[in-house]
Amino acid sequence: MGLGVSLRVRFLMHTLERSCHMRARAAFVFLLIGTLGCSSTAEPRAGVTLLIRNGTCETGQCAPLQILGFPSNQPLTPGGFWSIDLGLITAPTACLTFPPSATFRVIGVSNDGTKGDTTTYTWTTAVPLSLGAQSPSASRIMAVPSTRAFVPASSSGWSVTMPGASRVSATQACTP
């Protein structure tokens, strides 16, 4: 009777070990698929354009709009969102070109007032971006995105009406 119980215990232990290994493998595969599904596969590219329709041009007069891009890799800073100045539009439509890349530096200050560590955030057209528009005279500290994020490098051109639209649509490249 002692030998039968010992064999059953070994069998149960072996079964539990196999089950744990299988669950661990399944969890790893799930995390790998989730990570790959959330990351962009686009390569950075130059010459990506944005066709902006000025949504303020209802009566023939167009209010000027400063178009800003807000990278998804935002640092937490007290000075508002990091934004990329894409251009000023004053007409009913304008064709702007995304820069291939941009950097934002957060420069730390030590307790004695000297320069501390610097952290550099880099954006490329392969990194998601949201858009926002504001009056050119408004403070950039108050600027916020108004569209959903998109990856500029995933198309040669994009279009959106600002202010107003929340989705930026892929289209053919416009001519700046």
C-alpha atoms as a PDB file:
ATOM      1  CA  MET A   1       0.000   0.000   0.000  1.00  0.00           C
ATOM      2  CA  GLY A   2       2.873   2.407   0.717  1.00  0.00           C
ATOM      3  CA  LEU A   3       4.355   1.878  -2.764  1.00  0.00           C
ATOM      4  CA  GLY A   4       0.997   2.554  -4.489  1.00  0.00           C
ATOM      5  CA  VAL A   5       0.521   5.830  -2.594  1.00  0.00           C
ATOM      6  CA  SER A   6       4.089   6.899  -3.391  1.00  0.00           C
ATOM      7  CA  LEU A   7       3.576   6.253  -7.113  1.00  0.00           C
ATOM      8  CA  ARG A   8       0.302   8.192  -7.103  1.00  0.00           C
ATOM      9  CA  VAL A   9       1.943  11.133  -5.317  1.00  0.00           C
ATOM     10  CA  ARG A  10       4.801  11.164  -7.855  1.00  0.00           C
ATOM     11  CA  PHE A  11       2.314  10.994 -10.724  1.00  0.00           C
ATOM     12  CA  LEU A  12       0.294  13.902  -9.245  1.00  0.00           C
ATOM     13  CA  MET A  13       3.460  15.976  -8.684  1.00  0.00           C
ATOM     14  CA  HIS A  14       4.607  15.327 -12.284  1.00  0.00           C
ATOM     15  CA  THR A  15       1.144  16.285 -13.597  1.00  0.00           C
ATOM     16  CA  LEU A  16       1.122  19.510 -11.531  1.00  0.00           C
ATOM     17  CA  GLU A  17       4.619  20.459 -12.733  1.00  0.00           C
ATOM     18  CA  ARG A  18       3.610  19.931 -16.392  1.00  0.00           C
ATOM     19  CA  SER A  19       0.440  21.954 -15.832  1.00  0.00           C
ATOM     20  CA  CYS A  20       2.391  24.864 -14.294  1.00  0.00           C
ATOM     21  CA  HIS A  21       4.915  24.847 -17.153  1.00  0.00           C
ATOM     22  CA  MET A  22       2.097  24.869 -19.716  1.00  0.00           C
ATOM     23  CA  ARG A  23       0.344  27.780 -17.957  1.00  0.00           C
ATOM     24  CA  ALA A  24       3.607  29.710 -17.769  1.00  0.00           C
ATOM     25  CA  ARG A  25       4.204  29.170 -21.492  1.00  0.00           C
ATOM     26  CA  ALA A  26       0.636  30.229 -22.292  1.00  0.00           C
ATOM     27  CA  ALA A  27       1.036  33.402 -20.198  1.00  0.00           C
ATOM     28  CA  PHE A  28       4.317  34.220 -21.971  1.00  0.00           C
ATOM     29  CA  VAL A  29       2.757  33.732 -25.416  1.00  0.00           C
ATOM     30  CA  PHE A  30      -0.222  35.890 -24.388  1.00  0.00           C
ATOM     31  CA  LEU A  31       2.060  38.708 -23.195  1.00  0.00           C
ATOM     32  CA  LEU A  32       4.198  38.470 -26.331  1.00  0.00           C
ATOM     33  CA  ILE A  33       1.154  38.681 -28.605  1.00  0.00           C
ATOM     34  CA  GLY A  34      -0.266  41.576 -26.564  1.00  0.00           C
ATOM     35  CA  THR A  35       2.999  43.499 -26.751  1.00  0.00           C
ATOM     36  CA  LEU A  36       3.366  42.969 -30.479  1.00  0.00           C
ATOM     37  CA  GLY A  37      -0.268  43.929 -31.058  1.00  0.00           C
ATOM     38  CA  CYS A  38       0.182  47.286 -29.318  1.00  0.00           C
ATOM     39  CA  SER A  39       3.415  48.343 -30.950  1.00  0.00           C
ATOM     40  CA  SER A  40       3.754  50.072 -34.267  1.00  0.00           C
ATOM     41  CA  THR A  41       5.371  48.140 -37.100  1.00  0.00           C
ATOM     42  CA  ALA A  42       5.819  51.237 -39.257  1.00  0.00           C
ATOM     43  CA  GLU A  43       9.327  52.462 -39.980  1.00  0.00           C
ATOM     44  CA  PRO A  44      10.014  56.204 -39.610  1.00  0.00           C
ATOM     45  CA  ARG A  45       9.690  58.052 -42.918  1.00  0.00           C
ATOM     46  CA  ALA A  46      10.178  61.560 -44.215  1.00  0.00           C
ATOM     47  CA  GLY A  47       7.750  63.523 -46.393  1.00  0.00           C
ATOM     48  CA  VAL A  48       4.521  62.479 -44.656  1.00  0.00           C
ATOM     49  CA  THR A  49       1.923  65.218 -45.225  1.00  0.00           C
ATOM     50  CA  LEU A  50      -1.155  66.491 -43.418  1.00  0.00           C
ATOM     51  CA  LEU A  51      -4.039  68.168 -45.255  1.00  0.00           C
ATOM     52  CA  ILE A  52      -5.764  70.474 -42.760  1.00  0.00           C
ATOM     53  CA  ARG A  53      -9.233  71.861 -43.383  1.00  0.00           C
ATOM     54  CA  ASN A  54      -9.771  74.984 -41.305  1.00  0.00           C
ATOM     55  CA  GLY A  55     -13.101  74.409 -39.545  1.00  0.00           C
ATOM     56  CA  THR A  56     -13.408  78.108 -38.621  1.00  0.00           C
ATOM     57  CA  CYS A  57     -14.043  79.186 -42.243  1.00  0.00           C
ATOM     58  CA  GLU A  58     -17.848  79.225 -42.059  1.00  0.00           C
ATOM     59  CA  THR A  59     -18.574  82.764 -43.265  1.00  0.00           C
ATOM     60  CA  GLY A  60     -15.649  83.194 -45.641  1.00  0.00           C
ATOM     61  CA  GLN A  61     -13.361  84.498 -42.916  1.00  0.00           C
ATOM     62  CA  CYS A  62     -10.895  82.011 -41.471  1.00  0.00           C
ATOM     63  CA  ALA A  63      -9.460  82.313 -37.986  1.00  0.00           C
ATOM     64  CA  PRO A  64      -5.732  81.509 -37.890  1.00  0.00           C
ATOM     65  CA  LEU A  65      -4.914  78.150 -36.272  1.00  0.00           C
ATOM     66  CA  GLN A  66      -1.623  76.918 -34.881  1.00  0.00           C
ATOM     67  CA  ILE A  67      -1.493  73.160 -35.568  1.00  0.00           C
ATOM     68  CA  LEU A  68       0.359  71.137 -32.945  1.00  0.00           C
ATOM     69  CA  GLY A  69       1.342  67.474 -32.753  1.00  0.00           C
ATOM     70  CA  PHE A  70       1.365  65.743 -29.356  1.00  0.00           C
ATOM     71  CA  PRO A  71       3.625  62.656 -29.269  1.00  0.00           C
ATOM     72  CA  SER A  72       2.320  59.674 -27.315  1.00  0.00           C
ATOM     73  CA  ASN A  73       5.585  59.401 -25.370  1.00  0.00           C
ATOM     74  CA  GLN A  74       4.757  62.335 -23.086  1.00  0.00           C
ATOM     75  CA  PRO A  75       6.891  63.019 -20.008  1.00  0.00           C
ATOM     76  CA  LEU A  76       5.194  64.211 -16.841  1.00  0.00           C
ATOM     77  CA  THR A  77       6.236  67.849 -16.605  1.00  0.00           C
ATOM     78  CA  PRO A  78       4.611  70.822 -14.883  1.00  0.00           C
ATOM     79  CA  GLY A  79       4.803  72.887 -18.101  1.00  0.00           C
ATOM     80  CA  GLY A  80       1.968  71.159 -19.966  1.00  0.00           C
ATOM     81  CA  PHE A  81       2.118  68.707 -22.842  1.00  0.00           C
ATOM     82  CA  TRP A  82       5.138  68.396 -25.111  1.00  0.00           C
ATOM     83  CA  SER A  83       4.060  69.464 -28.594  1.00  0.00           C
ATOM     84  CA  ILE A  84       5.578  69.782 -32.049  1.00  0.00           C
ATOM     85  CA  ASP A  85       4.713  72.937 -33.997  1.00  0.00           C
ATOM     86  CA  LEU A  86       3.438  71.682 -37.359  1.00  0.00           C
ATOM     87  CA  GLY A  87       2.470  75.057 -38.771  1.00  0.00           C
ATOM     88  CA  LEU A  88       0.098  78.018 -38.900  1.00  0.00           C
ATOM     89  CA  ILE A  89      -2.913  77.958 -41.215  1.00  0.00           C
ATOM     90  CA  THR A  90      -4.936  81.031 -42.198  1.00  0.00           C
ATOM     91  CA  ALA A  91      -6.701  79.721 -45.328  1.00  0.00           C
ATOM     92  CA  PRO A  92      -9.560  77.193 -45.735  1.00  0.00           C
ATOM     93  CA  THR A  93      -7.006  74.405 -46.336  1.00  0.00           C
ATOM     94  CA  ALA A  94      -3.282  73.903 -45.910  1.00  0.00           C
ATOM     95  CA  CYS A  95      -0.823  71.103 -46.573  1.00  0.00           C
ATOM     96  CA  LEU A  96       1.752  70.627 -43.820  1.00  0.00           C
ATOM     97  CA  THR A  97       4.671  68.195 -43.642  1.00  0.00           C
ATOM     98  CA  PHE A  98       5.496  66.216 -40.512  1.00  0.00           C
ATOM     99  CA  PRO A  99       9.129  66.511 -39.442  1.00  0.00           C
ATOM    100  CA  PRO A 100      10.851  63.104 -39.606  1.00  0.00           C
ATOM    101  CA  SER A 101      11.733  63.374 -35.898  1.00  0.00           C
ATOM    102  CA  ALA A 102      11.701  65.710 -32.899  1.00  0.00           C
ATOM    103  CA  THR A 103      13.268  65.716 -29.444  1.00  0.00           C
ATOM    104  CA  PHE A 104      12.181  67.080 -26.103  1.00  0.00           C
ATOM    105  CA  ARG A 105      14.594  67.436 -23.229  1.00  0.00           C
ATOM    106  CA  VAL A 106      13.690  67.483 -19.552  1.00  0.00           C
ATOM    107  CA  ILE A 107      16.585  69.108 -17.711  1.00  0.00           C
ATOM    108  CA  GLY A 108      16.734  68.458 -14.007  1.00  0.00           C
ATOM    109  CA  VAL A 109      17.998  70.987 -11.509  1.00  0.00           C
ATOM    110  CA  SER A 110      19.920  69.955  -8.392  1.00  0.00           C
ATOM    111  CA  ASN A 111      19.049  71.318  -4.942  1.00  0.00           C
ATOM    112  CA  ASP A 112      21.973  73.756  -5.198  1.00  0.00           C
ATOM    113  CA  GLY A 113      20.570  75.209  -8.446  1.00  0.00           C
ATOM    114  CA  THR A 114      23.066  73.573 -10.798  1.00  0.00           C
ATOM    115  CA  LYS A 115      22.115  71.524 -13.832  1.00  0.00           C
ATOM    116  CA  GLY A 116      21.121  67.948 -12.999  1.00  0.00           C
ATOM    117  CA  ASP A 117      20.282  64.968 -15.165  1.00  0.00           C
ATOM    118  CA  THR A 118      18.825  65.463 -18.644  1.00  0.00           C
ATOM    119  CA  THR A 119      16.294  63.041 -20.107  1.00  0.00           C
ATOM    120  CA  THR A 120      15.705  63.164 -23.860  1.00  0.00           C
ATOM    121  CA  TYR A 121      12.402  62.037 -25.389  1.00  0.00           C
ATOM    122  CA  THR A 122      12.551  61.309 -29.112  1.00  0.00           C
ATOM    123  CA  TRP A 123       9.582  61.196 -31.468  1.00  0.00           C
ATOM    124  CA  THR A 124       9.652  59.881 -35.037  1.00  0.00           C
ATOM    125  CA  THR A 125       6.873  59.457 -37.575  1.00  0.00           C
ATOM    126  CA  ALA A 126       6.697  55.787 -36.466  1.00  0.00           C
ATOM    127  CA  VAL A 127       5.506  56.844 -32.973  1.00  0.00           C
ATOM    128  CA  PRO A 128       1.796  57.617 -32.393  1.00  0.00           C
ATOM    129  CA  LEU A 129       0.798  61.280 -32.348  1.00  0.00           C
ATOM    130  CA  SER A 130      -2.401  63.254 -31.640  1.00  0.00           C
ATOM    131  CA  LEU A 131      -3.221  66.664 -33.087  1.00  0.00           C
ATOM    132  CA  GLY A 132      -4.497  69.881 -31.561  1.00  0.00           C
ATOM    133  CA  ALA A 133      -5.235  73.400 -32.808  1.00  0.00           C
ATOM    134  CA  GLN A 134      -5.235  76.717 -31.010  1.00  0.00           C
ATOM    135  CA  SER A 135      -5.060  80.419 -31.660  1.00  0.00           C
ATOM    136  CA  PRO A 136      -1.496  81.545 -32.395  1.00  0.00           C
ATOM    137  CA  SER A 137      -1.730  84.014 -29.501  1.00  0.00           C
ATOM    138  CA  ALA A 138      -2.726  81.328 -26.953  1.00  0.00           C
ATOM    139  CA  SER A 139      -0.191  79.998 -24.472  1.00  0.00           C
ATOM    140  CA  ARG A 140       1.351  76.651 -25.427  1.00  0.00           C
ATOM    141  CA  ILE A 141       1.136  75.629 -21.772  1.00  0.00           C
ATOM    142  CA  MET A 142      -2.639  75.337 -22.206  1.00  0.00           C
ATOM    143  CA  ALA A 143      -2.449  73.384 -25.510  1.00  0.00           C
ATOM    144  CA  VAL A 144      -4.114  69.966 -25.562  1.00  0.00           C
ATOM    145  CA  PRO A 145      -4.694  67.307 -28.223  1.00  0.00           C
ATOM    146  CA  SER A 146      -8.158  66.933 -29.734  1.00  0.00           C
ATOM    147  CA  THR A 147      -7.749  63.960 -32.081  1.00  0.00           C
ATOM    148  CA  ARG A 148      -7.154  60.286 -31.526  1.00  0.00           C
ATOM    149  CA  ALA A 149      -3.581  59.071 -31.826  1.00  0.00           C
ATOM    150  CA  PHE A 150      -2.342  57.779 -35.180  1.00  0.00           C
ATOM    151  CA  VAL A 151       1.030  56.718 -36.603  1.00  0.00           C
ATOM    152  CA  PRO A 152       2.046  59.192 -39.335  1.00  0.00           C
ATOM    153  CA  ALA A 153       4.491  56.773 -41.017  1.00  0.00           C
ATOM    154  CA  SER A 154       1.706  54.268 -41.707  1.00  0.00           C
ATOM    155  CA  SER A 155       0.485  56.395 -44.663  1.00  0.00           C
ATOM    156  CA  SER A 156       2.023  58.895 -47.075  1.00  0.00           C
ATOM    157  CA  GLY A 157      -0.663  61.469 -46.230  1.00  0.00           C
ATOM    158  CA  TRP A 158      -3.350  62.316 -43.698  1.00  0.00           C
ATOM    159  CA  SER A 159      -6.333  64.682 -43.554  1.00  0.00           C
ATOM    160  CA  VAL A 160      -8.412  66.234 -40.799  1.00  0.00           C
ATOM    161  CA  THR A 161     -10.710  69.191 -40.125  1.00  0.00           C
ATOM    162  CA  MET A 162      -9.630  71.314 -37.176  1.00  0.00           C
ATOM    163  CA  PRO A 163     -11.130  72.218 -34.889  1.00  0.00           C
ATOM    164  CA  GLY A 164     -13.877  69.656 -34.938  1.00  0.00           C
ATOM    165  CA  ALA A 165     -12.776  66.210 -36.049  1.00  0.00           C
ATOM    166  CA  SER A 166     -11.482  63.645 -33.596  1.00  0.00           C
ATOM    167  CA  ARG A 167     -10.244  61.168 -36.198  1.00  0.00           C
ATOM    168  CA  VAL A 168      -7.390  61.757 -38.622  1.00  0.00           C
ATOM    169  CA  SER A 169      -7.890  59.847 -41.897  1.00  0.00           C
ATOM    170  CA  ALA A 170      -5.222  58.256 -44.079  1.00  0.00           C
ATOM    171  CA  THR A 171      -5.173  59.659 -47.609  1.00  0.00           C
ATOM    172  CA  GLN A 172      -2.803  60.395 -50.467  1.00  0.00           C
ATOM    173  CA  ALA A 173       0.007  62.861 -49.838  1.00  0.00           C
ATOM    174  CA  CYS A 174      -0.842  66.505 -50.514  1.00  0.00           C
ATOM    175  CA  THR A 175       1.586  69.048 -52.006  1.00  0.00           C
ATOM    176  CA  PRO A 176       2.900  71.585 -49.490  1.00  0.00           C
END
